[in-house]
């Protein structure tokens, strides 16, 4: 189970690490689009866009359907619950560390006032 989640997180974050792929997801959130339309919108070749869509498809964020010569892209069913949980666990960790650091700084300030 842990290996599956780790592999899935790797695919998700790899897909989301690229600005073009995030833009594609944003665009598909507004409306479905063909690979040709996406390539035109992002000023790239069809081959380049096919690679980006493939990465998004592998992560489960996009699905494609080919009808004739047109491949239409839609948002996939995959949501970001696992990714959000992973980020939240690290947010909590860092929040606890910063809270501890704040306590140390406040203690040092208090000691400095006493020494003056």
PDB file of N, CA and C in Angstrom:
ATOM      1  N   UNK A   1       0.826  -1.201   0.000  1.00  0.00           N
ATOM      2  CA  UNK A   1       0.000   0.000   0.000  1.00  0.00           C
ATOM      3  C   UNK A   1       0.866   1.259   0.000  1.00  0.00           C
ATOM      4  N   UNK A   2       1.885   1.314   0.875  1.00  0.00           N
ATOM      5  CA  UNK A   2       2.744   2.485   0.954  1.00  0.00           C
ATOM      6  C   UNK A   2       3.478   2.695  -0.369  1.00  0.00           C
ATOM      7  N   UNK A   3       3.965   1.612  -0.977  1.00  0.00           N
ATOM      8  CA  UNK A   3       4.673   1.718  -2.252  1.00  0.00           C
ATOM      9  C   UNK A   3       3.754   2.276  -3.335  1.00  0.00           C
ATOM     10  N   UNK A   4       2.505   1.845  -3.337  1.00  0.00           N
ATOM     11  CA  UNK A   4       1.542   2.337  -4.319  1.00  0.00           C
ATOM     12  C   UNK A   4       1.330   3.836  -4.154  1.00  0.00           C
ATOM     13  N   UNK A   5       1.145   4.281  -2.925  1.00  0.00           N
ATOM     14  CA  UNK A   5       0.920   5.706  -2.670  1.00  0.00           C
ATOM     15  C   UNK A   5       2.157   6.505  -3.044  1.00  0.00           C
ATOM     16  N   UNK A   6       3.347   6.000  -2.710  1.00  0.00           N
ATOM     17  CA  UNK A   6       4.583   6.697  -3.060  1.00  0.00           C
ATOM     18  C   UNK A   6       4.728   6.813  -4.571  1.00  0.00           C
ATOM     19  N   UNK A   7       4.472   5.740  -5.292  1.00  0.00           N
ATOM     20  CA  UNK A   7       4.549   5.768  -6.750  1.00  0.00           C
ATOM     21  C   UNK A   7       3.529   6.743  -7.324  1.00  0.00           C
ATOM     22  N   UNK A   8       2.350   6.735  -6.750  1.00  0.00           N
ATOM     23  CA  UNK A   8       1.295   7.638  -7.212  1.00  0.00           C
ATOM     24  C   UNK A   8       1.661   9.094  -6.930  1.00  0.00           C
ATOM     25  N   UNK A   9       2.231   9.351  -5.741  1.00  0.00           N
ATOM     26  CA  UNK A   9       2.666  10.712  -5.419  1.00  0.00           C
ATOM     27  C   UNK A   9       3.775  11.159  -6.367  1.00  0.00           C
ATOM     28  N   UNK A  10       4.706  10.261  -6.672  1.00  0.00           N
ATOM     29  CA  UNK A  10       5.783  10.598  -7.606  1.00  0.00           C
ATOM     30  C   UNK A  10       5.214  11.006  -8.956  1.00  0.00           C
ATOM     31  N   UNK A  11       4.264  10.227  -9.464  1.00  0.00           N
ATOM     32  CA  UNK A  11       3.644  10.541 -10.759  1.00  0.00           C
ATOM     33  C   UNK A  11       2.873  11.854 -10.682  1.00  0.00           C
ATOM     34  N   UNK A  12       2.175  12.073  -9.587  1.00  0.00           N
ATOM     35  CA  UNK A  12       1.386  13.297  -9.434  1.00  0.00           C
ATOM     36  C   UNK A  12       2.269  14.531  -9.399  1.00  0.00           C
ATOM     37  N   UNK A  13       3.282  14.499  -8.536  1.00  0.00           N
ATOM     38  CA  UNK A  13       4.131  15.677  -8.405  1.00  0.00           C
ATOM     39  C   UNK A  13       4.980  15.901  -9.649  1.00  0.00           C
ATOM     40  N   UNK A  14       5.363  14.833 -10.338  1.00  0.00           N
ATOM     41  CA  UNK A  14       6.077  14.985 -11.611  1.00  0.00           C
ATOM     42  C   UNK A  14       5.169  15.670 -12.624  1.00  0.00           C
ATOM     43  N   UNK A  15       3.915  15.270 -12.658  1.00  0.00           N
ATOM     44  CA  UNK A  15       2.968  15.877 -13.592  1.00  0.00           C
ATOM     45  C   UNK A  15       2.721  17.340 -13.254  1.00  0.00           C
ATOM     46  N   UNK A  16       2.608  17.644 -11.977  1.00  0.00           N
ATOM     47  CA  UNK A  16       2.291  19.007 -11.553  1.00  0.00           C
ATOM     48  C   UNK A  16       3.505  19.928 -11.516  1.00  0.00           C
ATOM     49  N   UNK A  17       4.690  19.379 -11.688  1.00  0.00           N
ATOM     50  CA  UNK A  17       5.904  20.192 -11.581  1.00  0.00           C
ATOM     51  C   UNK A  17       6.135  21.092 -12.784  1.00  0.00           C
ATOM     52  N   UNK A  18       5.414  20.870 -13.856  1.00  0.00           N
ATOM     53  CA  UNK A  18       5.616  21.633 -15.077  1.00  0.00           C
ATOM     54  C   UNK A  18       4.500  22.660 -15.267  1.00  0.00           C
ATOM     55  N   UNK A  19       4.889  23.894 -15.558  1.00  0.00           N
ATOM     56  CA  UNK A  19       3.905  24.978 -15.712  1.00  0.00           C
ATOM     57  C   UNK A  19       2.938  24.719 -16.870  1.00  0.00           C
ATOM     58  N   UNK A  20       3.432  24.155 -17.956  1.00  0.00           N
ATOM     59  CA  UNK A  20       2.547  23.866 -19.091  1.00  0.00           C
ATOM     60  C   UNK A  20       1.488  22.858 -18.696  1.00  0.00           C
ATOM     61  N   UNK A  21       1.889  21.799 -17.986  1.00  0.00           N
ATOM     62  CA  UNK A  21       0.914  20.787 -17.578  1.00  0.00           C
ATOM     63  C   UNK A  21      -0.104  21.369 -16.603  1.00  0.00           C
ATOM     64  N   UNK A  22       0.342  22.243 -15.699  1.00  0.00           N
ATOM     65  CA  UNK A  22      -0.624  22.890 -14.806  1.00  0.00           C
ATOM     66  C   UNK A  22      -1.578  23.761 -15.610  1.00  0.00           C
ATOM     67  N   UNK A  23      -1.056  24.431 -16.630  1.00  0.00           N
ATOM     68  CA  UNK A  23      -1.908  25.235 -17.505  1.00  0.00           C
ATOM     69  C   UNK A  23      -2.915  24.392 -18.260  1.00  0.00           C
ATOM     70  N   UNK A  24      -2.483  23.224 -18.705  1.00  0.00           N
ATOM     71  CA  UNK A  24      -3.393  22.306 -19.406  1.00  0.00           C
ATOM     72  C   UNK A  24      -4.527  21.894 -18.469  1.00  0.00           C
ATOM     73  N   UNK A  25      -4.192  21.559 -17.236  1.00  0.00           N
ATOM     74  CA  UNK A  25      -5.235  21.185 -16.273  1.00  0.00           C
ATOM     75  C   UNK A  25      -6.202  22.342 -16.039  1.00  0.00           C
ATOM     76  N   UNK A  26      -5.655  23.535 -15.937  1.00  0.00           N
ATOM     77  CA  UNK A  26      -6.503  24.714 -15.744  1.00  0.00           C
ATOM     78  C   UNK A  26      -7.440  24.893 -16.939  1.00  0.00           C
ATOM     79  N   UNK A  27      -6.900  24.747 -18.135  1.00  0.00           N
ATOM     80  CA  UNK A  27      -7.701  24.879 -19.355  1.00  0.00           C
ATOM     81  C   UNK A  27      -8.784  23.805 -19.405  1.00  0.00           C
ATOM     82  N   UNK A  28      -8.416  22.568 -19.102  1.00  0.00           N
ATOM     83  CA  UNK A  28      -9.397  21.479 -19.152  1.00  0.00           C
ATOM     84  C   UNK A  28     -10.444  21.615 -18.053  1.00  0.00           C
ATOM     85  N   UNK A  29     -10.127  22.331 -16.998  1.00  0.00           N
ATOM     86  CA  UNK A  29     -11.115  22.616 -15.962  1.00  0.00           C
ATOM     87  C   UNK A  29     -12.224  23.517 -16.483  1.00  0.00           C
ATOM     88  N   UNK A  30     -11.895  24.313 -17.504  1.00  0.00           N
ATOM     89  CA  UNK A  30     -12.904  25.194 -18.117  1.00  0.00           C
ATOM     90  C   UNK A  30     -13.687  24.474 -19.208  1.00  0.00           C
ATOM     91  N   UNK A  31     -12.976  23.677 -20.026  1.00  0.00           N
ATOM     92  CA  UNK A  31     -13.662  22.937 -21.088  1.00  0.00           C
ATOM     93  C   UNK A  31     -12.730  21.893 -21.682  1.00  0.00           C
ATOM     94  N   UNK A  32     -13.320  20.835 -22.208  1.00  0.00           N
ATOM     95  CA  UNK A  32     -12.534  19.806 -22.887  1.00  0.00           C
ATOM     96  C   UNK A  32     -11.849  20.432 -24.094  1.00  0.00           C
ATOM     97  N   UNK A  33     -10.748  19.815 -24.532  1.00  0.00           N
ATOM     98  CA  UNK A  33     -10.025  20.349 -25.685  1.00  0.00           C
ATOM     99  C   UNK A  33      -9.283  19.226 -26.383  1.00  0.00           C
ATOM    100  N   UNK A  34      -9.085  19.403 -27.678  1.00  0.00           N
ATOM    101  CA  UNK A  34      -8.286  18.434 -28.426  1.00  0.00           C
ATOM    102  C   UNK A  34      -6.806  18.743 -28.188  1.00  0.00           C
ATOM    103  N   UNK A  35      -5.976  17.766 -28.483  1.00  0.00           N
ATOM    104  CA  UNK A  35      -4.539  17.980 -28.348  1.00  0.00           C
ATOM    105  C   UNK A  35      -4.095  19.112 -29.279  1.00  0.00           C
ATOM    106  N   UNK A  36      -4.687  19.197 -30.453  1.00  0.00           N
ATOM    107  CA  UNK A  36      -4.361  20.281 -31.391  1.00  0.00           C
ATOM    108  C   UNK A  36      -4.700  21.643 -30.792  1.00  0.00           C
ATOM    109  N   UNK A  37      -5.882  21.755 -30.174  1.00  0.00           N
ATOM    110  CA  UNK A  37      -6.281  23.023 -29.546  1.00  0.00           C
ATOM    111  C   UNK A  37      -5.328  23.394 -28.405  1.00  0.00           C
ATOM    112  N   UNK A  38      -4.957  22.392 -27.614  1.00  0.00           N
ATOM    113  CA  UNK A  38      -4.032  22.654 -26.510  1.00  0.00           C
ATOM    114  C   UNK A  38      -2.661  23.073 -27.033  1.00  0.00           C
ATOM    115  N   UNK A  39      -2.189  22.391 -28.070  1.00  0.00           N
ATOM    116  CA  UNK A  39      -0.885  22.730 -28.653  1.00  0.00           C
ATOM    117  C   UNK A  39      -0.900  24.167 -29.170  1.00  0.00           C
ATOM    118  N   UNK A  40      -1.964  24.553 -29.832  1.00  0.00           N
ATOM    119  CA  UNK A  40      -2.081  25.925 -30.332  1.00  0.00           C
ATOM    120  C   UNK A  40      -2.107  26.931 -29.181  1.00  0.00           C
ATOM    121  N   UNK A  41      -2.897  26.621 -28.178  1.00  0.00           N
ATOM    122  CA  UNK A  41      -3.021  27.540 -27.034  1.00  0.00           C
ATOM    123  C   UNK A  41      -1.691  27.749 -26.328  1.00  0.00           C
ATOM    124  N   UNK A  42      -0.886  26.698 -26.220  1.00  0.00           N
ATOM    125  CA  UNK A  42       0.388  26.790 -25.501  1.00  0.00           C
ATOM    126  C   UNK A  42       1.588  26.971 -26.438  1.00  0.00           C
ATOM    127  N   UNK A  43       1.296  27.240 -27.710  1.00  0.00           N
ATOM    128  CA  UNK A  43       2.344  27.534 -28.697  1.00  0.00           C
ATOM    129  C   UNK A  43       3.427  26.464 -28.730  1.00  0.00           C
ATOM    130  N   UNK A  44       2.990  25.227 -28.929  1.00  0.00           N
ATOM    131  CA  UNK A  44       3.956  24.131 -29.017  1.00  0.00           C
ATOM    132  C   UNK A  44       3.541  23.142 -30.087  1.00  0.00           C
ATOM    133  N   UNK A  45       4.440  22.215 -30.358  1.00  0.00           N
ATOM    134  CA  UNK A  45       4.162  21.208 -31.389  1.00  0.00           C
ATOM    135  C   UNK A  45       3.166  20.184 -30.869  1.00  0.00           C
ATOM    136  N   UNK A  46       2.530  19.486 -31.791  1.00  0.00           N
ATOM    137  CA  UNK A  46       1.620  18.410 -31.396  1.00  0.00           C
ATOM    138  C   UNK A  46       2.362  17.342 -30.607  1.00  0.00           C
ATOM    139  N   UNK A  47       3.574  17.013 -31.052  1.00  0.00           N
ATOM    140  CA  UNK A  47       4.366  15.990 -30.361  1.00  0.00           C
ATOM    141  C   UNK A  47       4.653  16.406 -28.926  1.00  0.00           C
ATOM    142  N   UNK A  48       5.029  17.661 -28.745  1.00  0.00           N
ATOM    143  CA  UNK A  48       5.298  18.156 -27.393  1.00  0.00           C
ATOM    144  C   UNK A  48       4.070  18.094 -26.511  1.00  0.00           C
ATOM    145  N   UNK A  49       2.923  18.498 -27.053  1.00  0.00           N
ATOM    146  CA  UNK A  49       1.691  18.475 -26.262  1.00  0.00           C
ATOM    147  C   UNK A  49       1.270  17.039 -25.966  1.00  0.00           C
ATOM    148  N   UNK A  50       1.450  16.140 -26.932  1.00  0.00           N
ATOM    149  CA  UNK A  50       1.115  14.733 -26.684  1.00  0.00           C
ATOM    150  C   UNK A  50       1.916  14.185 -25.510  1.00  0.00           C
ATOM    151  N   UNK A  51       3.180  14.589 -25.409  1.00  0.00           N
ATOM    152  CA  UNK A  51       4.010  14.132 -24.280  1.00  0.00           C
ATOM    153  C   UNK A  51       3.485  14.681 -22.963  1.00  0.00           C
ATOM    154  N   UNK A  52       3.138  15.964 -22.943  1.00  0.00           N
ATOM    155  CA  UNK A  52       2.585  16.555 -21.719  1.00  0.00           C
ATOM    156  C   UNK A  52       1.283  15.868 -21.320  1.00  0.00           C
ATOM    157  N   UNK A  53       0.414  15.658 -22.292  1.00  0.00           N
ATOM    158  CA  UNK A  53      -0.867  15.001 -22.005  1.00  0.00           C
ATOM    159  C   UNK A  53      -0.619  13.570 -21.522  1.00  0.00           C
ATOM    160  N   UNK A  54       0.373  12.896 -22.087  1.00  0.00           N
ATOM    161  CA  UNK A  54       0.703  11.539 -21.652  1.00  0.00           C
ATOM    162  C   UNK A  54       1.115  11.484 -20.190  1.00  0.00           C
ATOM    163  N   UNK A  55       1.907  12.465 -19.761  1.00  0.00           N
ATOM    164  CA  UNK A  55       2.325  12.529 -18.345  1.00  0.00           C
ATOM    165  C   UNK A  55       1.103  12.756 -17.461  1.00  0.00           C
ATOM    166  N   UNK A  56       0.227  13.666 -17.867  1.00  0.00           N
ATOM    167  CA  UNK A  56      -0.986  13.938 -17.092  1.00  0.00           C
ATOM    168  C   UNK A  56      -1.919  12.724 -17.069  1.00  0.00           C
ATOM    169  N   UNK A  57      -1.972  12.023 -18.178  1.00  0.00           N
ATOM    170  CA  UNK A  57      -2.811  10.828 -18.271  1.00  0.00           C
ATOM    171  C   UNK A  57      -2.255   9.723 -17.365  1.00  0.00           C
ATOM    172  N   UNK A  58      -0.934   9.559 -17.376  1.00  0.00           N
ATOM    173  CA  UNK A  58      -0.290   8.550 -16.520  1.00  0.00           C
ATOM    174  C   UNK A  58      -0.586   8.816 -15.040  1.00  0.00           C
ATOM    175  N   UNK A  59      -0.637  10.083 -14.660  1.00  0.00           N
ATOM    176  CA  UNK A  59      -0.932  10.451 -13.272  1.00  0.00           C
ATOM    177  C   UNK A  59      -2.422  10.366 -12.951  1.00  0.00           C
ATOM    178  N   UNK A  60      -3.253  10.183 -13.971  1.00  0.00           N
ATOM    179  CA  UNK A  60      -4.690  10.068 -13.754  1.00  0.00           C
ATOM    180  C   UNK A  60      -5.428  11.387 -13.752  1.00  0.00           C
ATOM    181  N   UNK A  61      -4.748  12.472 -14.110  1.00  0.00           N
ATOM    182  CA  UNK A  61      -5.374  13.784 -14.100  1.00  0.00           C
ATOM    183  C   UNK A  61      -6.160  14.074 -15.369  1.00  0.00           C
ATOM    184  N   UNK A  62      -5.830  13.371 -16.452  1.00  0.00           N
ATOM    185  CA  UNK A  62      -6.462  13.612 -17.747  1.00  0.00           C
ATOM    186  C   UNK A  62      -6.839  12.274 -18.367  1.00  0.00           C
ATOM    187  N   UNK A  63      -7.949  12.267 -19.072  1.00  0.00           N
ATOM    188  CA  UNK A  63      -8.304  11.118 -19.904  1.00  0.00           C
ATOM    189  C   UNK A  63      -8.436  11.617 -21.330  1.00  0.00           C
ATOM    190  N   UNK A  64      -8.146  10.736 -22.274  1.00  0.00           N
ATOM    191  CA  UNK A  64      -8.277  11.121 -23.673  1.00  0.00           C
ATOM    192  C   UNK A  64      -9.159  10.102 -24.387  1.00  0.00           C
ATOM    193  N   UNK A  65      -9.806  10.583 -25.422  1.00  0.00           N
ATOM    194  CA  UNK A  65     -10.642   9.717 -26.252  1.00  0.00           C
ATOM    195  C   UNK A  65     -10.402  10.117 -27.700  1.00  0.00           C
ATOM    196  N   UNK A  66     -10.093   9.115 -28.514  1.00  0.00           N
ATOM    197  CA  UNK A  66      -9.833   9.376 -29.920  1.00  0.00           C
ATOM    198  C   UNK A  66     -11.077   9.039 -30.734  1.00  0.00           C
ATOM    199  N   UNK A  67     -11.523  10.026 -31.485  1.00  0.00           N
ATOM    200  CA  UNK A  67     -12.649   9.838 -32.399  1.00  0.00           C
ATOM    201  C   UNK A  67     -12.154  10.297 -33.762  1.00  0.00           C
ATOM    202  N   UNK A  68     -12.003   9.351 -34.668  1.00  0.00           N
ATOM    203  CA  UNK A  68     -11.423   9.671 -35.969  1.00  0.00           C
ATOM    204  C   UNK A  68      -9.978  10.089 -35.798  1.00  0.00           C
ATOM    205  N   UNK A  69      -9.644  11.270 -36.267  1.00  0.00           N
ATOM    206  CA  UNK A  69      -8.275  11.767 -36.153  1.00  0.00           C
ATOM    207  C   UNK A  69      -8.092  12.721 -34.980  1.00  0.00           C
ATOM    208  N   UNK A  70      -9.147  12.953 -34.225  1.00  0.00           N
ATOM    209  CA  UNK A  70      -9.090  13.935 -33.132  1.00  0.00           C
ATOM    210  C   UNK A  70      -9.042  13.220 -31.787  1.00  0.00           C
ATOM    211  N   UNK A  71      -8.049  13.584 -30.984  1.00  0.00           N
ATOM    212  CA  UNK A  71      -7.944  13.057 -29.619  1.00  0.00           C
ATOM    213  C   UNK A  71      -8.374  14.171 -28.671  1.00  0.00           C
ATOM    214  N   UNK A  72      -9.501  13.946 -27.981  1.00  0.00           N
ATOM    215  CA  UNK A  72     -10.053  14.934 -27.059  1.00  0.00           C
ATOM    216  C   UNK A  72      -9.623  14.630 -25.633  1.00  0.00           C
ATOM    217  N   UNK A  73      -9.220  15.672 -24.934  1.00  0.00           N
ATOM    218  CA  UNK A  73      -8.747  15.544 -23.551  1.00  0.00           C
ATOM    219  C   UNK A  73      -9.807  16.086 -22.596  1.00  0.00           C
ATOM    220  N   UNK A  74     -10.012  15.377 -21.500  1.00  0.00           N
ATOM    221  CA  UNK A  74     -10.906  15.829 -20.437  1.00  0.00           C
ATOM    222  C   UNK A  74     -10.197  15.618 -19.111  1.00  0.00           C
ATOM    223  N   UNK A  75     -10.671  16.298 -18.088  1.00  0.00           N
ATOM    224  CA  UNK A  75     -10.113  16.065 -16.756  1.00  0.00           C
ATOM    225  C   UNK A  75     -10.424  14.644 -16.338  1.00  0.00           C
ATOM    226  N   UNK A  76      -9.448  13.991 -15.710  1.00  0.00           N
ATOM    227  CA  UNK A  76      -9.652  12.646 -15.216  1.00  0.00           C
ATOM    228  C   UNK A  76     -10.450  12.657 -13.926  1.00  0.00           C
ATOM    229  N   UNK A  77     -10.733  11.479 -13.438  1.00  0.00           N
ATOM    230  CA  UNK A  77     -11.513  11.356 -12.202  1.00  0.00           C
ATOM    231  C   UNK A  77     -10.659  11.500 -10.955  1.00  0.00           C
ATOM    232  N   UNK A  78      -9.357  11.445 -11.143  1.00  0.00           N
ATOM    233  CA  UNK A  78      -8.442  11.443 -10.005  1.00  0.00           C
ATOM    234  C   UNK A  78      -8.423  12.793  -9.303  1.00  0.00           C
ATOM    235  N   UNK A  79      -8.548  12.759  -8.003  1.00  0.00           N
ATOM    236  CA  UNK A  79      -8.499  13.968  -7.192  1.00  0.00           C
ATOM    237  C   UNK A  79      -7.164  14.016  -6.471  1.00  0.00           C
ATOM    238  N   UNK A  80      -6.945  15.007  -5.679  1.00  0.00           N
ATOM    239  CA  UNK A  80      -5.640  15.217  -5.047  1.00  0.00           C
ATOM    240  C   UNK A  80      -5.655  14.956  -3.537  1.00  0.00           C
ATOM    241  N   UNK A  81      -6.497  14.025  -3.080  1.00  0.00           N
ATOM    242  CA  UNK A  81      -6.584  13.783  -1.639  1.00  0.00           C
ATOM    243  C   UNK A  81      -5.256  13.291  -1.046  1.00  0.00           C
ATOM    244  N   UNK A  82      -4.619  12.318  -1.686  1.00  0.00           N
ATOM    245  CA  UNK A  82      -3.355  11.794  -1.163  1.00  0.00           C
ATOM    246  C   UNK A  82      -2.270  12.865  -1.168  1.00  0.00           C
ATOM    247  N   UNK A  83      -2.233  13.648  -2.224  1.00  0.00           N
ATOM    248  CA  UNK A  83      -1.234  14.711  -2.323  1.00  0.00           C
ATOM    249  C   UNK A  83      -1.477  15.777  -1.259  1.00  0.00           C
ATOM    250  N   UNK A  84      -2.737  16.142  -1.085  1.00  0.00           N
ATOM    251  CA  UNK A  84      -3.080  17.141  -0.069  1.00  0.00           C
ATOM    252  C   UNK A  84      -2.750  16.634   1.335  1.00  0.00           C
ATOM    253  N   UNK A  85      -2.993  15.363   1.599  1.00  0.00           N
ATOM    254  CA  UNK A  85      -2.672  14.786   2.911  1.00  0.00           C
ATOM    255  C   UNK A  85      -1.168  14.790   3.141  1.00  0.00           C
ATOM    256  N   UNK A  86      -0.393  14.464   2.104  1.00  0.00           N
ATOM    257  CA  UNK A  86       1.062  14.458   2.229  1.00  0.00           C
ATOM    258  C   UNK A  86       1.579  15.873   2.523  1.00  0.00           C
ATOM    259  N   UNK A  87       1.055  16.853   1.784  1.00  0.00           N
ATOM    260  CA  UNK A  87       1.462  18.243   1.997  1.00  0.00           C
ATOM    261  C   UNK A  87       1.054  18.702   3.390  1.00  0.00           C
ATOM    262  N   UNK A  88      -0.148  18.343   3.816  1.00  0.00           N
ATOM    263  CA  UNK A  88      -0.630  18.753   5.136  1.00  0.00           C
ATOM    264  C   UNK A  88       0.239  18.186   6.255  1.00  0.00           C
ATOM    265  N   UNK A  89       0.702  16.949   6.112  1.00  0.00           N
ATOM    266  CA  UNK A  89       1.557  16.371   7.158  1.00  0.00           C
ATOM    267  C   UNK A  89       2.859  17.166   7.297  1.00  0.00           C
ATOM    268  N   UNK A  90       3.409  17.615   6.183  1.00  0.00           N
ATOM    269  CA  UNK A  90       4.624  18.429   6.245  1.00  0.00           C
ATOM    270  C   UNK A  90       4.334  19.850   6.707  1.00  0.00           C
ATOM    271  N   UNK A  91       3.174  20.376   6.388  1.00  0.00           N
ATOM    272  CA  UNK A  91       2.801  21.693   6.880  1.00  0.00           C
ATOM    273  C   UNK A  91       2.710  21.683   8.400  1.00  0.00           C
ATOM    274  N   UNK A  92       2.108  20.618   8.936  1.00  0.00           N
ATOM    275  CA  UNK A  92       2.000  20.491  10.385  1.00  0.00           C
ATOM    276  C   UNK A  92       3.377  20.343  11.030  1.00  0.00           C
ATOM    277  N   UNK A  93       4.236  19.562  10.412  1.00  0.00           N
ATOM    278  CA  UNK A  93       5.599  19.384  10.921  1.00  0.00           C
ATOM    279  C   UNK A  93       6.332  20.716  10.990  1.00  0.00           C
ATOM    280  N   UNK A  94       6.286  21.484   9.896  1.00  0.00           N
ATOM    281  CA  UNK A  94       6.978  22.770   9.868  1.00  0.00           C
ATOM    282  C   UNK A  94       6.323  23.774  10.802  1.00  0.00           C
ATOM    283  N   UNK A  95       5.018  23.743  10.926  1.00  0.00           N
ATOM    284  CA  UNK A  95       4.342  24.648  11.860  1.00  0.00           C
ATOM    285  C   UNK A  95       4.795  24.371  13.282  1.00  0.00           C
ATOM    286  N   UNK A  96       4.915  23.099  13.647  1.00  0.00           N
ATOM    287  CA  UNK A  96       5.379  22.737  14.992  1.00  0.00           C
ATOM    288  C   UNK A  96       6.817  23.203  15.207  1.00  0.00           C
ATOM    289  N   UNK A  97       7.650  23.055  14.197  1.00  0.00           N
ATOM    290  CA  UNK A  97       9.046  23.494  14.318  1.00  0.00           C
ATOM    291  C   UNK A  97       9.143  25.015  14.451  1.00  0.00           C
ATOM    292  N   UNK A  98       8.353  25.744  13.678  1.00  0.00           N
ATOM    293  CA  UNK A  98       8.374  27.204  13.791  1.00  0.00           C
ATOM    294  C   UNK A  98       7.811  27.666  15.127  1.00  0.00           C
ATOM    295  N   UNK A  99       6.800  26.974  15.638  1.00  0.00           N
ATOM    296  CA  UNK A  99       6.269  27.306  16.961  1.00  0.00           C
ATOM    297  C   UNK A  99       7.345  27.107  18.023  1.00  0.00           C
ATOM    298  N   UNK A 100       8.097  26.014  17.917  1.00  0.00           N
ATOM    299  CA  UNK A 100       9.188  25.762  18.866  1.00  0.00           C
ATOM    300  C   UNK A 100      10.264  26.840  18.750  1.00  0.00           C
ATOM    301  N   UNK A 101      10.580  27.231  17.544  1.00  0.00           N
ATOM    302  CA  UNK A 101      11.567  28.286  17.338  1.00  0.00           C
ATOM    303  C   UNK A 101      11.074  29.602  17.926  1.00  0.00           C
ATOM    304  N   UNK A 102       9.807  29.910  17.740  1.00  0.00           N
ATOM    305  CA  UNK A 102       9.231  31.125  18.337  1.00  0.00           C
ATOM    306  C   UNK A 102       9.382  31.113  19.856  1.00  0.00           C
ATOM    307  N   UNK A 103       9.159  29.958  20.472  1.00  0.00           N
ATOM    308  CA  UNK A 103       9.304  29.857  21.929  1.00  0.00           C
ATOM    309  C   UNK A 103      10.750  30.101  22.350  1.00  0.00           C
ATOM    310  N   UNK A 104      11.699  29.590  21.596  1.00  0.00           N
ATOM    311  CA  UNK A 104      13.121  29.806  21.903  1.00  0.00           C
ATOM    312  C   UNK A 104      13.464  31.286  21.782  1.00  0.00           C
ATOM    313  N   UNK A 105      13.005  31.928  20.719  1.00  0.00           N
ATOM    314  CA  UNK A 105      13.280  33.353  20.517  1.00  0.00           C
ATOM    315  C   UNK A 105      12.657  34.179  21.638  1.00  0.00           C
ATOM    316  N   UNK A 106      11.428  33.881  21.992  1.00  0.00           N
ATOM    317  CA  UNK A 106      10.765  34.615  23.079  1.00  0.00           C
ATOM    318  C   UNK A 106      11.513  34.414  24.396  1.00  0.00           C
ATOM    319  N   UNK A 107      11.974  33.204  24.648  1.00  0.00           N
ATOM    320  CA  UNK A 107      12.734  32.921  25.860  1.00  0.00           C
ATOM    321  C   UNK A 107      14.043  33.713  25.872  1.00  0.00           C
ATOM    322  N   UNK A 108      14.720  33.764  24.744  1.00  0.00           N
ATOM    323  CA  UNK A 108      15.971  34.537  24.661  1.00  0.00           C
ATOM    324  C   UNK A 108      15.716  36.023  24.867  1.00  0.00           C
ATOM    325  N   UNK A 109      14.637  36.544  24.326  1.00  0.00           N
ATOM    326  CA  UNK A 109      14.283  37.954  24.516  1.00  0.00           C
ATOM    327  C   UNK A 109      14.002  38.247  25.985  1.00  0.00           C
ATOM    328  N   UNK A 110      13.264  37.327  26.615  1.00  0.00           N
ATOM    329  CA  UNK A 110      12.929  37.495  28.028  1.00  0.00           C
ATOM    330  C   UNK A 110      14.193  37.486  28.875  1.00  0.00           C
ATOM    331  N   UNK A 111      15.119  36.588  28.593  1.00  0.00           N
ATOM    332  CA  UNK A 111      16.390  36.507  29.338  1.00  0.00           C
ATOM    333  C   UNK A 111      17.228  37.763  29.120  1.00  0.00           C
ATOM    334  N   UNK A 112      17.199  38.283  27.886  1.00  0.00           N
ATOM    335  CA  UNK A 112      17.969  39.480  27.565  1.00  0.00           C
ATOM    336  C   UNK A 112      17.451  40.665  28.377  1.00  0.00           C
ATOM    337  N   UNK A 113      16.122  40.782  28.530  1.00  0.00           N
ATOM    338  CA  UNK A 113      15.547  41.880  29.313  1.00  0.00           C
ATOM    339  C   UNK A 113      15.922  41.741  30.779  1.00  0.00           C
ATOM    340  N   UNK A 114      15.961  40.520  31.288  1.00  0.00           N
ATOM    341  CA  UNK A 114      16.312  40.293  32.682  1.00  0.00           C
ATOM    342  C   UNK A 114      17.760  40.668  32.930  1.00  0.00           C
ATOM    343  N   UNK A 115      18.634  40.359  31.974  1.00  0.00           N
ATOM    344  CA  UNK A 115      20.067  40.633  32.116  1.00  0.00           C
ATOM    345  C   UNK A 115      20.402  42.119  32.017  1.00  0.00           C
ATOM    346  N   UNK A 116      19.521  42.910  31.424  1.00  0.00           N
ATOM    347  CA  UNK A 116      19.799  44.342  31.238  1.00  0.00           C
ATOM    348  C   UNK A 116      19.590  45.101  32.480  1.00  0.00           C
TER     349      UNK A 116
END
